[in-house]
PDB file of N, CA and C in Angstrom:
ATOM      1  N   MET A   1     153.348  98.401  14.769  1.00  0.00           N
ATOM      2  CA  MET A   1     153.699  99.811  14.714  1.00  0.00           C
ATOM      3  C   MET A   1     155.145  99.984  14.288  1.00  0.00           C
ATOM      4  N   GLY A   2     156.015  99.110  14.769  1.00  0.00           N
ATOM      5  CA  GLY A   2     157.424  99.235  14.437  1.00  0.00           C
ATOM      6  C   GLY A   2     157.696  99.118  12.952  1.00  0.00           C
ATOM      7  N   LEU A   3     156.891  98.338  12.248  1.00  0.00           N
ATOM      8  CA  LEU A   3     157.076  98.176  10.813  1.00  0.00           C
ATOM      9  C   LEU A   3     156.648  99.404  10.030  1.00  0.00           C
ATOM     10  N   LEU A   4     155.871 100.286  10.635  1.00  0.00           N
ATOM     11  CA  LEU A   4     155.354 101.454   9.928  1.00  0.00           C
ATOM     12  C   LEU A   4     156.187 102.710  10.109  1.00  0.00           C
ATOM     13  N   ILE A   5     157.110 102.728  11.061  1.00  0.00           N
ATOM     14  CA  ILE A   5     157.842 103.964  11.349  1.00  0.00           C
ATOM     15  C   ILE A   5     158.661 104.421  10.144  1.00  0.00           C
ATOM     16  N   THR A   6     159.403 103.532   9.515  1.00  0.00           N
ATOM     17  CA  THR A   6     160.233 103.926   8.378  1.00  0.00           C
ATOM     18  C   THR A   6     159.405 104.360   7.173  1.00  0.00           C
ATOM     19  N   PRO A   7     158.375 103.606   6.739  1.00  0.00           N
ATOM     20  CA  PRO A   7     157.590 104.096   5.597  1.00  0.00           C
ATOM     21  C   PRO A   7     156.867 105.410   5.866  1.00  0.00           C
ATOM     22  N   ILE A   8     156.366 105.589   7.082  1.00  0.00           N
ATOM     23  CA  ILE A   8     155.678 106.843   7.402  1.00  0.00           C
ATOM     24  C   ILE A   8     156.660 108.004   7.404  1.00  0.00           C
ATOM     25  N   THR A   9     157.846 107.797   7.968  1.00  0.00           N
ATOM     26  CA  THR A   9     158.863 108.847   7.976  1.00  0.00           C
ATOM     27  C   THR A   9     159.268 109.215   6.560  1.00  0.00           C
ATOM     28  N   THR A  10     159.443 108.220   5.705  1.00  0.00           N
ATOM     29  CA  THR A  10     159.796 108.472   4.309  1.00  0.00           C
ATOM     30  C   THR A  10     158.697 109.249   3.606  1.00  0.00           C
ATOM     31  N   THR A  11     157.453 108.880   3.843  1.00  0.00           N
ATOM     32  CA  THR A  11     156.327 109.565   3.211  1.00  0.00           C
ATOM     33  C   THR A  11     156.222 111.011   3.676  1.00  0.00           C
ATOM     34  N   VAL A  12     156.372 111.221   4.969  1.00  0.00           N
ATOM     35  CA  VAL A  12     156.234 112.573   5.523  1.00  0.00           C
ATOM     36  C   VAL A  12     157.340 113.490   5.022  1.00  0.00           C
ATOM     37  N   THR A  13     158.560 112.993   4.936  1.00  0.00           N
ATOM     38  CA  THR A  13     159.685 113.859   4.589  1.00  0.00           C
ATOM     39  C   THR A  13     160.044 113.841   3.107  1.00  0.00           C
ATOM     40  N   SER A  14     159.363 113.066   2.273  1.00  0.00           N
ATOM     41  CA  SER A  14     159.762 112.937   0.867  1.00  0.00           C
ATOM     42  C   SER A  14     159.513 114.202   0.043  1.00  0.00           C
ATOM     43  N   GLY A  15     158.458 114.914   0.290  1.00  0.00           N
ATOM     44  CA  GLY A  15     158.158 116.095  -0.510  1.00  0.00           C
ATOM     45  C   GLY A  15     158.535 117.397   0.165  1.00  0.00           C
ATOM     46  N   ILE A  16     159.325 117.330   1.215  1.00  0.00           N
ATOM     47  CA  ILE A  16     159.669 118.514   2.015  1.00  0.00           C
ATOM     48  C   ILE A  16     161.004 119.087   1.558  1.00  0.00           C
ATOM     49  N   LEU A  17     161.104 120.386   1.538  1.00  0.00           N
ATOM     50  CA  LEU A  17     162.381 121.035   1.238  1.00  0.00           C
ATOM     51  C   LEU A  17     163.379 120.714   2.348  1.00  0.00           C
ATOM     52  N   ALA A  18     164.650 120.754   2.025  1.00  0.00           N
ATOM     53  CA  ALA A  18     165.701 120.382   2.979  1.00  0.00           C
ATOM     54  C   ALA A  18     165.637 121.227   4.250  1.00  0.00           C
ATOM     55  N   GLN A  19     165.362 122.519   4.122  1.00  0.00           N
ATOM     56  CA  GLN A  19     165.337 123.375   5.309  1.00  0.00           C
ATOM     57  C   GLN A  19     164.120 123.111   6.196  1.00  0.00           C
ATOM     58  N   ASP A  20     163.086 122.437   5.675  1.00  0.00           N
ATOM     59  CA  ASP A  20     161.894 122.138   6.459  1.00  0.00           C
ATOM     60  C   ASP A  20     161.844 120.698   6.959  1.00  0.00           C
ATOM     61  N   ALA A  21     162.835 119.893   6.625  1.00  0.00           N
ATOM     62  CA  ALA A  21     162.817 118.468   6.978  1.00  0.00           C
ATOM     63  C   ALA A  21     162.821 118.251   8.486  1.00  0.00           C
ATOM     64  N   GLY A  22     163.582 119.035   9.220  1.00  0.00           N
ATOM     65  CA  GLY A  22     163.625 118.887  10.672  1.00  0.00           C
ATOM     66  C   GLY A  22     162.287 119.192  11.326  1.00  0.00           C
ATOM     67  N   ALA A  23     161.643 120.250  10.868  1.00  0.00           N
ATOM     68  CA  ALA A  23     160.328 120.609  11.416  1.00  0.00           C
ATOM     69  C   ALA A  23     159.287 119.546  11.079  1.00  0.00           C
ATOM     70  N   ALA A  24     159.318 119.034   9.857  1.00  0.00           N
ATOM     71  CA  ALA A  24     158.352 117.995   9.461  1.00  0.00           C
ATOM     72  C   ALA A  24     158.568 116.723  10.263  1.00  0.00           C
ATOM     73  N   SER A  25     159.819 116.346  10.454  1.00  0.00           N
ATOM     74  CA  SER A  25     160.127 115.147  11.233  1.00  0.00           C
ATOM     75  C   SER A  25     159.717 115.316  12.695  1.00  0.00           C
ATOM     76  N   GLY A  26     159.985 116.477  13.256  1.00  0.00           N
ATOM     77  CA  GLY A  26     159.597 116.747  14.640  1.00  0.00           C
ATOM     78  C   GLY A  26     158.088 116.739  14.823  1.00  0.00           C
ATOM     79  N   LEU A  27     157.370 117.331  13.870  1.00  0.00           N
ATOM     80  CA  LEU A  27     155.911 117.341  13.942  1.00  0.00           C
ATOM     81  C   LEU A  27     155.358 115.921  13.829  1.00  0.00           C
ATOM     82  N   MET A  28     155.941 115.113  12.938  1.00  0.00           N
ATOM     83  CA  MET A  28     155.492 113.738  12.783  1.00  0.00           C
ATOM     84  C   MET A  28     155.725 112.940  14.067  1.00  0.00           C
ATOM     85  N   ASN A  29     156.890 113.077  14.669  1.00  0.00           N
ATOM     86  CA  ASN A  29     157.193 112.349  15.902  1.00  0.00           C
ATOM     87  C   ASN A  29     156.317 112.799  17.067  1.00  0.00           C
ATOM     88  N   ALA A  30     156.083 114.097  17.186  1.00  0.00           N
ATOM     89  CA  ALA A  30     155.214 114.601  18.255  1.00  0.00           C
ATOM     90  C   ALA A  30     153.785 114.096  18.073  1.00  0.00           C
ATOM     91  N   THR A  31     153.297 114.119  16.845  1.00  0.00           N
ATOM     92  CA  THR A  31     151.952 113.633  16.559  1.00  0.00           C
ATOM     93  C   THR A  31     151.835 112.145  16.861  1.00  0.00           C
ATOM     94  N   ARG A  32     152.862 111.382  16.511  1.00  0.00           N
ATOM     95  CA  ARG A  32     152.856 109.940  16.772  1.00  0.00           C
ATOM     96  C   ARG A  32     152.820 109.657  18.269  1.00  0.00           C
ATOM     97  N   GLN A  33     153.601 110.389  19.039  1.00  0.00           N
ATOM     98  CA  GLN A  33     153.640 110.188  20.489  1.00  0.00           C
ATOM     99  C   GLN A  33     152.317 110.573  21.152  1.00  0.00           C
ATOM    100  N   ILE A  34     151.769 111.713  20.767  1.00  0.00           N
ATOM    101  CA  ILE A  34     150.500 112.168  21.350  1.00  0.00           C
ATOM    102  C   ILE A  34     149.370 111.226  20.951  1.00  0.00           C
ATOM    103  N   GLY A  35     149.342 110.802  19.696  1.00  0.00           N
ATOM    104  CA  GLY A  35     148.315 109.869  19.242  1.00  0.00           C
ATOM    105  C   GLY A  35     148.396 108.537  19.963  1.00  0.00           C
ATOM    106  N   GLY A  36     149.604 108.042  20.180  1.00  0.00           N
ATOM    107  CA  GLY A  36     149.772 106.789  20.910  1.00  0.00           C
ATOM    108  C   GLY A  36     149.305 106.903  22.350  1.00  0.00           C
ATOM    109  N   ALA A  37     149.636 108.010  22.993  1.00  0.00           N
ATOM    110  CA  ALA A  37     149.227 108.200  24.389  1.00  0.00           C
ATOM    111  C   ALA A  37     147.709 108.335  24.509  1.00  0.00           C
ATOM    112  N   LEU A  38     147.095 109.121  23.621  1.00  0.00           N
ATOM    113  CA  LEU A  38     145.638 109.286  23.662  1.00  0.00           C
ATOM    114  C   LEU A  38     144.919 107.988  23.300  1.00  0.00           C
ATOM    115  N   GLY A  39     145.443 107.266  22.318  1.00  0.00           N
ATOM    116  CA  GLY A  39     144.836 105.993  21.938  1.00  0.00           C
ATOM    117  C   GLY A  39     144.886 104.976  23.062  1.00  0.00           C
ATOM    118  N   LEU A  40     146.038 104.864  23.707  1.00  0.00           N
ATOM    119  CA  LEU A  40     146.177 103.932  24.823  1.00  0.00           C
ATOM    120  C   LEU A  40     145.267 104.332  25.977  1.00  0.00           C
ATOM    121  N   ALA A  41     145.209 105.618  26.294  1.00  0.00           N
ATOM    122  CA  ALA A  41     144.335 106.083  27.379  1.00  0.00           C
ATOM    123  C   ALA A  41     142.874 105.769  27.078  1.00  0.00           C
ATOM    124  N   THR A  42     142.460 105.943  25.827  1.00  0.00           N
ATOM    125  CA  THR A  42     141.084 105.644  25.442  1.00  0.00           C
ATOM    126  C   THR A  42     140.778 104.157  25.583  1.00  0.00           C
ATOM    127  N   LEU A  43     141.698 103.312  25.128  1.00  0.00           N
ATOM    128  CA  LEU A  43     141.477 101.866  25.220  1.00  0.00           C
ATOM    129  C   LEU A  43     141.475 101.381  26.665  1.00  0.00           C
ATOM    130  N   VAL A  44     142.328 101.950  27.500  1.00  0.00           N
ATOM    131  CA  VAL A  44     142.350 101.573  28.918  1.00  0.00           C
ATOM    132  C   VAL A  44     141.055 102.002  29.591  1.00  0.00           C
ATOM    133  N   ALA A  45     140.581 103.200  29.280  1.00  0.00           N
ATOM    134  CA  ALA A  45     139.310 103.664  29.853  1.00  0.00           C
ATOM    135  C   ALA A  45     138.153 102.775  29.404  1.00  0.00           C
ATOM    136  N   LEU A  46     138.155 102.359  28.151  1.00  0.00           N
ATOM    137  CA  LEU A  46     137.115 101.468  27.647  1.00  0.00           C
ATOM    138  C   LEU A  46     137.166 100.120  28.360  1.00  0.00           C
ATOM    139  N   ALA A  47     138.367  99.589  28.538  1.00  0.00           N
ATOM    140  CA  ALA A  47     138.513  98.302  29.224  1.00  0.00           C
ATOM    141  C   ALA A  47     138.092  98.412  30.684  1.00  0.00           C
ATOM    142  N   ALA A  48     138.369  99.543  31.320  1.00  0.00           N
ATOM    143  CA  ALA A  48     138.036  99.711  32.738  1.00  0.00           C
ATOM    144  C   ALA A  48     136.536  99.869  32.960  1.00  0.00           C
ATOM    145  N   THR A  49     135.824 100.405  31.983  1.00  0.00           N
ATOM    146  CA  THR A  49     134.386 100.611  32.157  1.00  0.00           C
ATOM    147  C   THR A  49     133.552  99.411  31.711  1.00  0.00           C
ATOM    148  N   THR A  50     134.181  98.433  31.078  1.00  0.00           N
ATOM    149  CA  THR A  50     133.472  97.234  30.635  1.00  0.00           C
ATOM    150  C   THR A  50     133.617  96.164  31.699  1.00  0.00           C
ATOM    151  N   SER A  51     132.511  95.565  32.108  1.00  0.00           N
ATOM    152  CA  SER A  51     132.576  94.557  33.172  1.00  0.00           C
ATOM    153  C   SER A  51     132.976  93.200  32.600  1.00  0.00           C
ATOM    154  N   GLY A  52     133.850  92.520  33.306  1.00  0.00           N
ATOM    155  CA  GLY A  52     134.297  91.189  32.884  1.00  0.00           C
ATOM    156  C   GLY A  52     135.523  91.267  32.006  1.00  0.00           C
ATOM    157  N   THR A  53     136.443  90.357  32.231  1.00  0.00           N
ATOM    158  CA  THR A  53     137.701  90.352  31.483  1.00  0.00           C
ATOM    159  C   THR A  53     137.469  90.069  30.003  1.00  0.00           C
ATOM    160  N   THR A  54     136.666  89.058  29.710  1.00  0.00           N
ATOM    161  CA  THR A  54     136.418  88.697  28.314  1.00  0.00           C
ATOM    162  C   THR A  54     135.706  89.825  27.578  1.00  0.00           C
ATOM    163  N   ALA A  55     134.730  90.435  28.205  1.00  0.00           N
ATOM    164  CA  ALA A  55     134.002  91.543  27.579  1.00  0.00           C
ATOM    165  C   ALA A  55     134.917  92.749  27.366  1.00  0.00           C
ATOM    166  N   SER A  56     135.837  92.986  28.300  1.00  0.00           N
ATOM    167  CA  SER A  56     136.787  94.097  28.165  1.00  0.00           C
ATOM    168  C   SER A  56     137.682  93.891  26.954  1.00  0.00           C
ATOM    169  N   TYR A  57     138.252  92.676  26.852  1.00  0.00           N
ATOM    170  CA  TYR A  57     139.110  92.385  25.709  1.00  0.00           C
ATOM    171  C   TYR A  57     138.340  92.499  24.398  1.00  0.00           C
ATOM    172  N   ARG A  58     137.134  91.979  24.379  1.00  0.00           N
ATOM    173  CA  ARG A  58     136.320  92.037  23.167  1.00  0.00           C
ATOM    174  C   ARG A  58     136.052  93.485  22.769  1.00  0.00           C
ATOM    175  N   ALA A  59     135.675  94.315  23.712  1.00  0.00           N
ATOM    176  CA  ALA A  59     135.378  95.719  23.414  1.00  0.00           C
ATOM    177  C   ALA A  59     136.610  96.445  22.878  1.00  0.00           C
ATOM    178  N   VAL A  60     137.751  96.183  23.512  1.00  0.00           N
ATOM    179  CA  VAL A  60     138.985  96.853  23.083  1.00  0.00           C
ATOM    180  C   VAL A  60     139.394  96.385  21.685  1.00  0.00           C
ATOM    181  N   PHE A  61     139.349  95.081  21.431  1.00  0.00           N
ATOM    182  CA  PHE A  61     139.765  94.577  20.126  1.00  0.00           C
ATOM    183  C   PHE A  61     138.808  94.990  19.010  1.00  0.00           C
ATOM    184  N   VAL A  62     137.520  95.056  19.298  1.00  0.00           N
ATOM    185  CA  VAL A  62     136.560  95.529  18.294  1.00  0.00           C
ATOM    186  C   VAL A  62     136.810  97.004  17.996  1.00  0.00           C
ATOM    187  N   THR A  63     137.110  97.792  19.020  1.00  0.00           N
ATOM    188  CA  THR A  63     137.419  99.210  18.820  1.00  0.00           C
ATOM    189  C   THR A  63     138.675  99.387  17.982  1.00  0.00           C
ATOM    190  N   ILE A  64     139.713  98.595  18.268  1.00  0.00           N
ATOM    191  CA  ILE A  64     140.960  98.670  17.487  1.00  0.00           C
ATOM    192  C   ILE A  64     140.693  98.281  16.036  1.00  0.00           C
ATOM    193  N   ALA A  65     139.923  97.215  15.814  1.00  0.00           N
ATOM    194  CA  ALA A  65     139.610  96.777  14.451  1.00  0.00           C
ATOM    195  C   ALA A  65     138.840  97.856  13.698  1.00  0.00           C
ATOM    196  N   ALA A  66     137.887  98.499  14.362  1.00  0.00           N
ATOM    197  CA  ALA A  66     137.113  99.567  13.721  1.00  0.00           C
ATOM    198  C   ALA A  66     138.012 100.762  13.377  1.00  0.00           C
ATOM    199  N   ALA A  67     138.918 101.106  14.284  1.00  0.00           N
ATOM    200  CA  ALA A  67     139.839 102.214  14.022  1.00  0.00           C
ATOM    201  C   ALA A  67     140.758 101.889  12.845  1.00  0.00           C
ATOM    202  N   CYS A  68     141.270 100.671  12.789  1.00  0.00           N
ATOM    203  CA  CYS A  68     142.139 100.259  11.677  1.00  0.00           C
ATOM    204  C   CYS A  68     141.376 100.277  10.355  1.00  0.00           C
ATOM    205  N   ALA A  69     140.143  99.802  10.360  1.00  0.00           N
ATOM    206  CA  ALA A  69     139.329  99.815   9.139  1.00  0.00           C
ATOM    207  C   ALA A  69     139.048 101.247   8.692  1.00  0.00           C
ATOM    208  N   GLY A  70     138.772 102.126   9.646  1.00  0.00           N
ATOM    209  CA  GLY A  70     138.537 103.528   9.307  1.00  0.00           C
ATOM    210  C   GLY A  70     139.765 104.200   8.728  1.00  0.00           C
ATOM    211  N   VAL A  71     140.921 103.927   9.301  1.00  0.00           N
ATOM    212  CA  VAL A  71     142.168 104.507   8.786  1.00  0.00           C
ATOM    213  C   VAL A  71     142.481 103.957   7.399  1.00  0.00           C
ATOM    214  N   ALA A  72     142.239 102.664   7.183  1.00  0.00           N
ATOM    215  CA  ALA A  72     142.476 102.070   5.863  1.00  0.00           C
ATOM    216  C   ALA A  72     141.558 102.691   4.817  1.00  0.00           C
ATOM    217  N   ALA A  73     140.291 102.905   5.164  1.00  0.00           N
ATOM    218  CA  ALA A  73     139.351 103.536   4.233  1.00  0.00           C
ATOM    219  C   ALA A  73     139.767 104.973   3.931  1.00  0.00           C
ATOM    220  N   LEU A  74     140.234 105.681   4.943  1.00  0.00           N
ATOM    221  CA  LEU A  74     140.703 107.044   4.747  1.00  0.00           C
ATOM    222  C   LEU A  74     141.935 107.068   3.848  1.00  0.00           C
ATOM    223  N   ALA A  75     142.857 106.136   4.055  1.00  0.00           N
ATOM    224  CA  ALA A  75     144.067 106.074   3.237  1.00  0.00           C
ATOM    225  C   ALA A  75     143.730 105.793   1.776  1.00  0.00           C
ATOM    226  N   LEU A  76     142.748 104.945   1.540  1.00  0.00           N
ATOM    227  CA  LEU A  76     142.352 104.643   0.165  1.00  0.00           C
ATOM    228  C   LEU A  76     141.652 105.829  -0.492  1.00  0.00           C
ATOM    229  N   ALA A  77     141.040 106.687   0.305  1.00  0.00           N
ATOM    230  CA  ALA A  77     140.319 107.834  -0.236  1.00  0.00           C
ATOM    231  C   ALA A  77     141.229 109.026  -0.529  1.00  0.00           C
ATOM    232  N   LEU A  78     142.463 108.987  -0.054  1.00  0.00           N
ATOM    233  CA  LEU A  78     143.382 110.103  -0.281  1.00  0.00           C
ATOM    234  C   LEU A  78     143.752 110.202  -1.754  1.00  0.00           C
ATOM    235  N   PRO A  79     143.906 111.413  -2.266  1.00  0.00           N
ATOM    236  CA  PRO A  79     144.300 111.556  -3.674  1.00  0.00           C
ATOM    237  C   PRO A  79     145.765 111.163  -3.866  1.00  0.00           C
ATOM    238  N   ALA A  80     146.110 110.813  -5.086  1.00  0.00           N
ATOM    239  CA  ALA A  80     147.493 110.468  -5.414  1.00  0.00           C
ATOM    240  C   ALA A  80     148.345 111.726  -5.357  1.00  0.00           C
ATOM    241  N   ALA A  81     149.599 111.556  -5.030  1.00  0.00           N
ATOM    242  CA  ALA A  81     150.517 112.691  -4.954  1.00  0.00           C
ATOM    243  C   ALA A  81     150.773 113.244  -6.351  1.00  0.00           C
ATOM    244  N   VAL A  82     150.900 114.560  -6.445  1.00  0.00           N
ATOM    245  CA  VAL A  82     151.209 115.207  -7.708  1.00  0.00           C
ATOM    246  C   VAL A  82     152.551 115.885  -7.550  1.00  0.00           C
ATOM    247  N   SER A  83     153.458 115.623  -8.481  1.00  0.00           N
ATOM    248  CA  SER A  83     154.787 116.210  -8.400  1.00  0.00           C
ATOM    249  C   SER A  83     154.724 117.689  -8.765  1.00  0.00           C
ATOM    250  N   ARG A  84     155.823 118.363  -8.575  1.00  0.00           N
ATOM    251  CA  ARG A  84     155.870 119.795  -8.883  1.00  0.00           C
ATOM    252  C   ARG A  84     155.734 120.053 -10.380  1.00  0.00           C
ATOM    253  N   SER A  85     156.030 119.031 -11.205  1.00  0.00           N
ATOM    254  CA  SER A  85     155.905 119.201 -12.649  1.00  0.00           C
ATOM    255  C   SER A  85     154.457 119.038 -13.110  1.00  0.00           C
ATOM    256  N   GLY A  86     153.561 118.618 -12.182  1.00  0.00           N
ATOM    257  CA  GLY A  86     152.160 118.483 -12.520  1.00  0.00           C
ATOM    258  C   GLY A  86     151.732 117.069 -12.846  1.00  0.00           C
ATOM    259  N   PHE A  87     152.673 116.129 -12.842  1.00  0.00           N
ATOM    260  CA  PHE A  87     152.345 114.738 -13.131  1.00  0.00           C
ATOM    261  C   PHE A  87     152.207 113.961 -11.843  1.00  0.00           C
ATOM    262  N   ARG A  88     151.418 112.895 -11.869  1.00  0.00           N
ATOM    263  CA  ARG A  88     151.238 112.060 -10.694  1.00  0.00           C
ATOM    264  C   ARG A  88     152.512 111.272 -10.428  1.00  0.00           C
ATOM    265  N   ASP A  89     152.909 111.256  -9.161  1.00  0.00           N
ATOM    266  CA  ASP A  89     154.075 110.469  -8.761  1.00  0.00           C
ATOM    267  C   ASP A  89     153.647 109.033  -8.535  1.00  0.00           C
ATOM    268  N   HIS A  90     154.394 108.102  -9.082  1.00  0.00           N
ATOM    269  CA  HIS A  90     154.114 106.690  -8.856  1.00  0.00           C
ATOM    270  C   HIS A  90     155.182 106.048  -7.984  1.00  0.00           C
ATOM    271  N   ALA A  91     156.267 106.736  -7.764  1.00  0.00           N
ATOM    272  CA  ALA A  91     157.337 106.216  -6.916  1.00  0.00           C
ATOM    273  C   ALA A  91     158.006 107.387  -6.229  1.00  0.00           C
ATOM    274  N   PRO A  92     158.578 107.166  -5.050  1.00  0.00           N
ATOM    275  CA  PRO A  92     159.290 108.248  -4.395  1.00  0.00           C
ATOM    276  C   PRO A  92     160.495 108.679  -5.230  1.00  0.00           C
ATOM    277  N   PRO A  93     160.928 109.930  -5.087  1.00  0.00           N
ATOM    278  CA  PRO A  93     162.047 110.422  -5.886  1.00  0.00           C
ATOM    279  C   PRO A  93     163.299 109.564  -5.758  1.00  0.00           C
ATOM    280  N   SER A  94     163.565 109.006  -4.593  1.00  0.00           N
ATOM    281  CA  SER A  94     164.757 108.185  -4.418  1.00  0.00           C
ATOM    282  C   SER A  94     164.687 106.932  -5.278  1.00  0.00           C
ATOM    283  N   ALA A  95     163.491 106.364  -5.469  1.00  0.00           N
ATOM    284  CA  ALA A  95     163.333 105.173  -6.302  1.00  0.00           C
ATOM    285  C   ALA A  95     163.557 105.522  -7.771  1.00  0.00           C
ATOM    286  N   GLU A  96     163.117 106.712  -8.180  1.00  0.00           N
ATOM    287  CA  GLU A  96     163.326 107.121  -9.563  1.00  0.00           C
ATOM    288  C   GLU A  96     164.810 107.285  -9.861  1.00  0.00           C
ATOM    289  N   ARG A  97     165.558 107.863  -8.939  1.00  0.00           N
ATOM    290  CA  ARG A  97     166.992 108.031  -9.127  1.00  0.00           C
ATOM    291  C   ARG A  97     167.701 106.693  -9.196  1.00  0.00           C
ATOM    292  N   ALA A  98     167.238 105.721  -8.397  1.00  0.00           N
ATOM    293  CA  ALA A  98     167.884 104.418  -8.381  1.00  0.00           C
ATOM    294  C   ALA A  98     167.715 103.714  -9.719  1.00  0.00           C
ATOM    295  N   HIS A  99     166.579 103.922 -10.393  1.00  0.00           N
ATOM    296  CA  HIS A  99     166.349 103.271 -11.679  1.00  0.00           C
ATOM    297  C   HIS A  99     167.112 103.958 -12.809  1.00  0.00           C
ATOM    298  N   ARG A 100     167.341 105.253 -12.692  1.00  0.00           N
ATOM    299  CA  ARG A 100     168.049 105.986 -13.738  1.00  0.00           C
ATOM    300  C   ARG A 100     169.546 105.805 -13.659  1.00  0.00           C
ATOM    301  N   GLY A 101     170.038 105.462 -12.496  1.00  0.00           N
ATOM    302  CA  GLY A 101     171.482 105.334 -12.319  1.00  0.00           C
ATOM    303  C   GLY A 101     172.083 106.636 -11.849  1.00  0.00           C
ATOM    304  N   PRO A 102     173.406 106.676 -11.662  1.00  0.00           N
ATOM    305  CA  PRO A 102     174.071 107.884 -11.135  1.00  0.00           C
ATOM    306  C   PRO A 102     174.119 109.025 -12.096  1.00  0.00           C
TER     307      PRO A 102
END
């Protein structure tokens, strides 16, 4: 999870106007916290209702793997970003500026 915080933050705030960046960042952080709490609660409940330590771990890890596979499939199904000029973006705006120079 720690490796994903910076890329997700960059993705969420890259197409946002400067005056909306704080709201977008706050919404992203709140969603991340609520999702983490609900996900952990769900996995703990699943582990508590499964009898046996090995079966509990297996159920939890299979559930996590299924959730990761579902999120990966959803990410692949998302459309490519379209810039305001109408062309597909292939790199974040900061990367384009870095290649063009100052």
